[in-house]
Protein backbone atom coordinates (compact mmCIF):
# COMPACT_ATOMS: atom_id res chain seq x y z
CA MET A 1 79.32 108.82 31.40
CA ASN A 2 76.25 109.78 33.35
CA THR A 3 75.16 113.30 34.06
CA LYS A 4 76.33 113.29 37.68
CA VAL A 5 79.77 112.29 36.80
CA ASN A 6 80.01 114.98 34.19
CA GLU A 7 78.75 117.62 36.57
CA ILE A 8 81.31 116.70 39.26
CA LYS A 9 84.17 116.70 36.80
CA GLU A 10 83.12 119.88 35.30
CA GLY A 11 82.78 121.41 38.84
CA LEU A 12 86.16 120.25 40.12
CA GLN A 13 87.73 122.27 37.21
CA HIS A 14 86.94 125.66 38.63
CA PHE A 15 89.01 125.00 41.75
CA HIS A 16 92.51 126.68 41.62
CA GLY A 17 94.31 127.38 44.91
CA SER A 18 92.09 127.94 47.94
CA GLU A 19 91.74 130.96 50.13
CA MET A 20 89.35 129.22 52.52
CA PHE A 21 89.98 126.31 54.53
CA PHE A 22 87.68 124.01 56.54
CA GLN A 23 88.52 121.50 59.40
CA ILE A 24 87.42 118.04 60.37
CA PRO A 25 87.02 118.72 64.15
CA LEU A 26 88.17 115.44 65.73
CA ILE A 27 91.21 114.80 63.74
CA ARG A 28 92.04 118.56 63.12
CA THR A 29 92.95 118.11 59.36
CA ARG A 30 92.24 120.87 57.01
CA PHE A 31 90.52 120.77 53.61
CA THR A 32 90.04 123.19 50.75
CA SER A 33 87.03 124.56 48.94
CA GLY A 34 87.51 122.05 46.24
CA ILE A 35 87.36 119.09 48.63
CA LYS A 36 84.09 120.73 50.39
CA TYR A 37 82.51 120.98 46.85
CA LEU A 38 83.50 117.22 46.05
CA ALA A 39 82.17 115.99 49.49
CA GLU A 40 78.80 117.82 48.99
CA VAL A 41 78.14 116.96 45.31
CA ALA A 42 79.43 113.51 45.37
CA ASN A 43 78.12 112.72 48.94
CA CYS A 44 81.52 111.58 49.87
CA PHE A 45 82.42 112.97 53.29
CA TRP A 46 83.54 109.35 54.21
CA LEU A 47 86.25 109.83 51.57
CA VAL A 48 87.42 113.16 53.10
CA THR A 49 87.53 111.57 56.60
CA ASP A 50 89.13 108.28 55.71
CA THR A 51 91.82 109.75 53.39
CA SER A 52 92.60 112.64 55.87
CA VAL A 53 93.06 110.15 58.87
CA ILE A 54 95.23 107.69 56.86
CA ALA A 55 97.46 110.46 55.21
CA ARG A 56 97.80 112.26 58.30
CA SER A 57 99.29 108.98 59.91
CA LEU A 58 101.69 108.74 57.03
CA MET A 59 103.08 112.38 57.46
CA ASP A 60 106.30 111.29 59.15
CA LYS A 61 107.14 109.21 55.94
CA SER A 62 106.59 112.38 53.56
CA TYR A 63 105.45 115.88 53.94
CA PHE A 64 103.59 115.30 50.41
CA ILE A 65 101.20 112.51 49.92
CA THR A 66 99.32 111.50 47.02
CA ILE A 67 96.01 109.80 47.27
CA ASP A 68 94.62 107.85 44.32
CA PHE A 69 91.23 106.39 44.30
CA LYS A 70 90.52 103.84 41.65
CA ARG A 71 87.45 101.82 40.96
CA LEU A 72 88.59 98.51 39.81
CA THR A 73 87.56 96.67 36.58
CA ASP A 74 85.32 93.44 36.86
CA ASP A 75 88.48 91.31 36.48
CA GLU A 76 90.47 93.45 39.12
CA GLN A 77 87.44 93.08 41.52
CA GLU A 78 87.52 89.29 41.20
CA LYS A 79 91.21 89.07 41.56
CA PHE A 80 91.43 91.46 44.66
CA GLY A 81 88.02 90.82 46.14
CA CYS A 82 87.12 94.46 46.49
CA GLU A 83 85.27 97.29 44.23
CA ALA A 84 87.88 99.96 44.80
CA MET A 85 91.36 100.81 46.18
CA ILE A 86 92.85 104.00 47.46
CA THR A 87 96.78 104.18 47.29
CA TYR A 88 98.80 106.51 49.24
CA GLY A 89 102.34 107.45 48.10
CA ASP A 90 104.74 110.05 47.62
CA GLY A 91 104.08 111.06 44.03
CA ASN A 92 107.35 109.42 42.88
CA ASP A 93 106.08 105.82 42.66
CA LEU A 94 106.96 104.95 46.36
CA ILE A 95 103.63 103.42 47.74
CA PHE A 96 103.09 103.86 51.51
CA GLU A 97 99.81 101.98 51.86
CA LYS A 98 96.90 100.64 49.76
CA HIS A 99 93.29 100.26 51.29
CA ARG A 100 90.47 98.11 49.80
CA TYR A 101 86.76 99.30 49.70
CA ASN A 102 84.46 96.16 49.33
CA VAL A 103 81.61 98.44 48.25
CA THR A 104 81.60 102.24 47.27
CA ASP A 105 78.89 104.59 46.06
CA PHE A 106 81.52 107.27 45.04
CA PRO A 107 80.43 108.20 41.54
CA LEU A 108 83.96 108.83 39.94
CA ASP A 109 86.10 105.87 38.67
CA GLU A 110 89.34 107.64 39.50
CA LEU A 111 90.48 110.60 41.46
CA ARG A 112 93.71 112.01 42.61
CA LEU A 113 93.96 113.99 45.82
CA TYR A 114 97.08 115.65 47.80
CA PHE A 115 97.58 115.92 51.49
CA VAL A 116 100.21 118.51 52.19
CA ASP A 117 100.87 120.27 55.52
CA ASN A 118 97.90 118.49 57.27
CA THR A 119 95.59 119.86 54.34
CA LEU A 120 93.72 117.67 51.93
CA MET A 121 93.34 119.37 48.42
CA LEU A 122 92.58 118.86 44.86
CA PRO A 123 95.79 118.62 42.65
CA SER A 124 94.72 122.12 41.00
CA GLU A 125 94.63 123.61 44.44
CA TYR A 126 98.28 122.84 45.21
């Protein structure tokens, strides 16, 4: 693993619960300190916005939504025609939606987030 990935993973381990919340003004979803840290160090504000918009649209299906980012293997990329996928579910194997990303600069290969009560958070902040 490269240094940047290790730095991000190590930094994410320091977030447990969250006393401070931030808000995406246009869509009015909130996110935690851990998500703010992730967005800044991984330069992935696009991920925060995209996942918030989609998860918010799924709130009528479940109050608790899991968001799983996965960079595909070379074989999977060839099969699905994209570099990464984000899957939205209820945490109990019920998948609501999958979104494909043809290209991504997100440094991690996998990441799970939660969306609860209009708030995007790391699992350790739940």
